[in-house]
């Protein structure tokens, strides 16, 4: 029984580390995307010979399109967080089950 418990602990720990790593990569990609968008938008506004109203329209249109992309990416991050919560709940449940089994076997041995 101890071997099964240790295997489950290792599995849940590894799964948690993998989910956190993937979540960290997603956040890094979003930060790169945001900084790239800001730089491209600044260069576009500075280099265009449009009037200030037209520059504002370009900025609003580009920002709206960019926000849609970020919203799509953030749904993946929310999904990863829900998976992480599920893993933690399963780990806690397995620990409670093993504690209950050990307690019952300890009581039965007395």
Protein backbone atom coordinates (compact mmCIF):
# COMPACT_ATOMS: atom_id res chain seq x y z
CA UNK A 1 0.00 0.00 0.00
CA UNK A 2 2.86 2.39 0.74
CA UNK A 3 4.24 1.78 -2.73
CA UNK A 4 0.92 2.73 -4.31
CA UNK A 5 0.74 5.84 -2.17
CA UNK A 6 4.26 6.90 -3.15
CA UNK A 7 3.52 6.27 -6.82
CA UNK A 8 0.39 8.40 -6.66
CA UNK A 9 2.26 11.16 -4.83
CA UNK A 10 4.98 11.11 -7.46
CA UNK A 11 2.45 11.11 -10.29
CA UNK A 12 0.48 14.04 -8.87
CA UNK A 13 3.68 15.95 -8.11
CA UNK A 14 4.99 15.43 -11.64
CA UNK A 15 1.65 16.39 -13.16
CA UNK A 16 1.56 19.55 -11.03
CA UNK A 17 5.08 20.53 -12.09
CA UNK A 18 4.23 19.96 -15.77
CA UNK A 19 1.05 22.04 -15.53
CA UNK A 20 2.89 24.87 -13.77
CA UNK A 21 5.65 24.79 -16.37
CA UNK A 22 3.15 24.92 -19.22
CA UNK A 23 1.26 27.75 -17.50
CA UNK A 24 4.51 29.68 -17.08
CA UNK A 25 5.31 29.25 -20.78
CA UNK A 26 1.84 30.51 -21.70
CA UNK A 27 2.34 33.60 -19.56
CA UNK A 28 5.75 34.23 -21.15
CA UNK A 29 4.28 33.98 -24.63
CA UNK A 30 1.55 36.45 -23.71
CA UNK A 31 4.09 38.92 -22.33
CA UNK A 32 6.16 38.68 -25.50
CA UNK A 33 3.04 39.18 -27.60
CA UNK A 34 2.00 42.24 -25.59
CA UNK A 35 5.40 43.89 -25.82
CA UNK A 36 5.63 43.12 -29.55
CA UNK A 37 2.17 44.63 -30.09
CA UNK A 38 3.09 47.79 -28.19
CA UNK A 39 6.29 48.25 -30.17
CA UNK A 40 4.61 47.62 -33.54
CA UNK A 41 1.74 49.96 -32.73
CA UNK A 42 4.11 52.71 -31.59
CA UNK A 43 6.18 52.36 -34.77
CA UNK A 44 3.05 52.35 -36.93
CA UNK A 45 1.68 55.49 -35.30
CA UNK A 46 5.02 57.32 -35.50
CA UNK A 47 5.71 56.40 -39.11
CA UNK A 48 2.22 57.01 -40.53
CA UNK A 49 1.45 60.42 -41.96
CA UNK A 50 -2.13 60.22 -40.78
CA UNK A 51 -3.88 62.90 -38.77
CA UNK A 52 -4.37 62.45 -35.07
CA UNK A 53 -8.00 61.27 -35.49
CA UNK A 54 -6.92 58.63 -38.02
CA UNK A 55 -4.06 57.53 -35.77
CA UNK A 56 -6.52 57.13 -32.94
CA UNK A 57 -8.80 55.02 -35.17
CA UNK A 58 -5.85 52.79 -36.15
CA UNK A 59 -4.90 52.41 -32.49
CA UNK A 60 -8.46 51.50 -31.45
CA UNK A 61 -8.89 49.01 -34.31
CA UNK A 62 -5.53 47.31 -33.64
CA UNK A 63 -6.11 47.20 -29.90
CA UNK A 64 -9.55 45.65 -30.34
CA UNK A 65 -8.14 42.91 -32.56
CA UNK A 66 -5.30 42.33 -30.13
CA UNK A 67 -7.67 42.09 -27.15
CA UNK A 68 -9.62 39.35 -28.92
CA UNK A 69 -6.39 37.38 -29.39
CA UNK A 70 -5.38 37.81 -25.73
CA UNK A 71 -8.86 36.72 -24.59
CA UNK A 72 -8.53 33.53 -26.62
CA UNK A 73 -5.10 32.86 -25.12
CA UNK A 74 -6.26 33.58 -21.58
CA UNK A 75 -8.98 30.94 -21.87
CA UNK A 76 -6.18 28.36 -22.19
CA UNK A 77 -4.60 29.69 -19.02
CA UNK A 78 -7.93 29.44 -17.17
CA UNK A 79 -8.27 25.88 -18.43
CA UNK A 80 -4.78 25.03 -17.12
CA UNK A 81 -5.60 26.52 -13.73
CA UNK A 82 -8.75 24.41 -13.52
CA UNK A 83 -6.70 21.30 -14.37
CA UNK A 84 -4.24 22.26 -11.65
CA UNK A 85 -7.07 22.59 -9.12
CA UNK A 86 -8.40 19.17 -10.16
CA UNK A 87 -4.96 17.60 -9.65
CA UNK A 88 -4.64 19.14 -6.18
CA UNK A 89 -8.15 17.96 -5.21
CA UNK A 90 -7.38 14.44 -6.47
CA UNK A 91 -4.13 14.43 -4.52
CA UNK A 92 -5.91 15.51 -1.34
CA UNK A 93 -8.61 12.91 -1.87
CA UNK A 94 -6.08 10.12 -2.37
CA UNK A 95 -4.22 11.17 0.78
CA UNK A 96 -7.47 11.11 2.76
CA UNK A 97 -8.32 7.67 1.40
CA UNK A 98 -4.91 6.30 2.32
CA UNK A 99 -5.10 7.88 5.79
CA UNK A 100 -8.52 6.31 6.33
CA UNK A 101 -7.30 2.89 5.18
CA UNK A 102 -4.24 3.10 7.46
CA UNK A 103 -6.41 4.15 10.39
CA UNK A 104 -8.82 1.26 9.83
CA UNK A 105 -6.01 -1.27 9.57
CA UNK A 106 -4.39 0.20 12.71
CA UNK A 107 -7.67 -0.05 14.63
CA UNK A 108 -8.29 -3.60 13.39
CA UNK A 109 -4.80 -4.70 14.44
CA UNK A 110 -5.38 -3.57 18.03
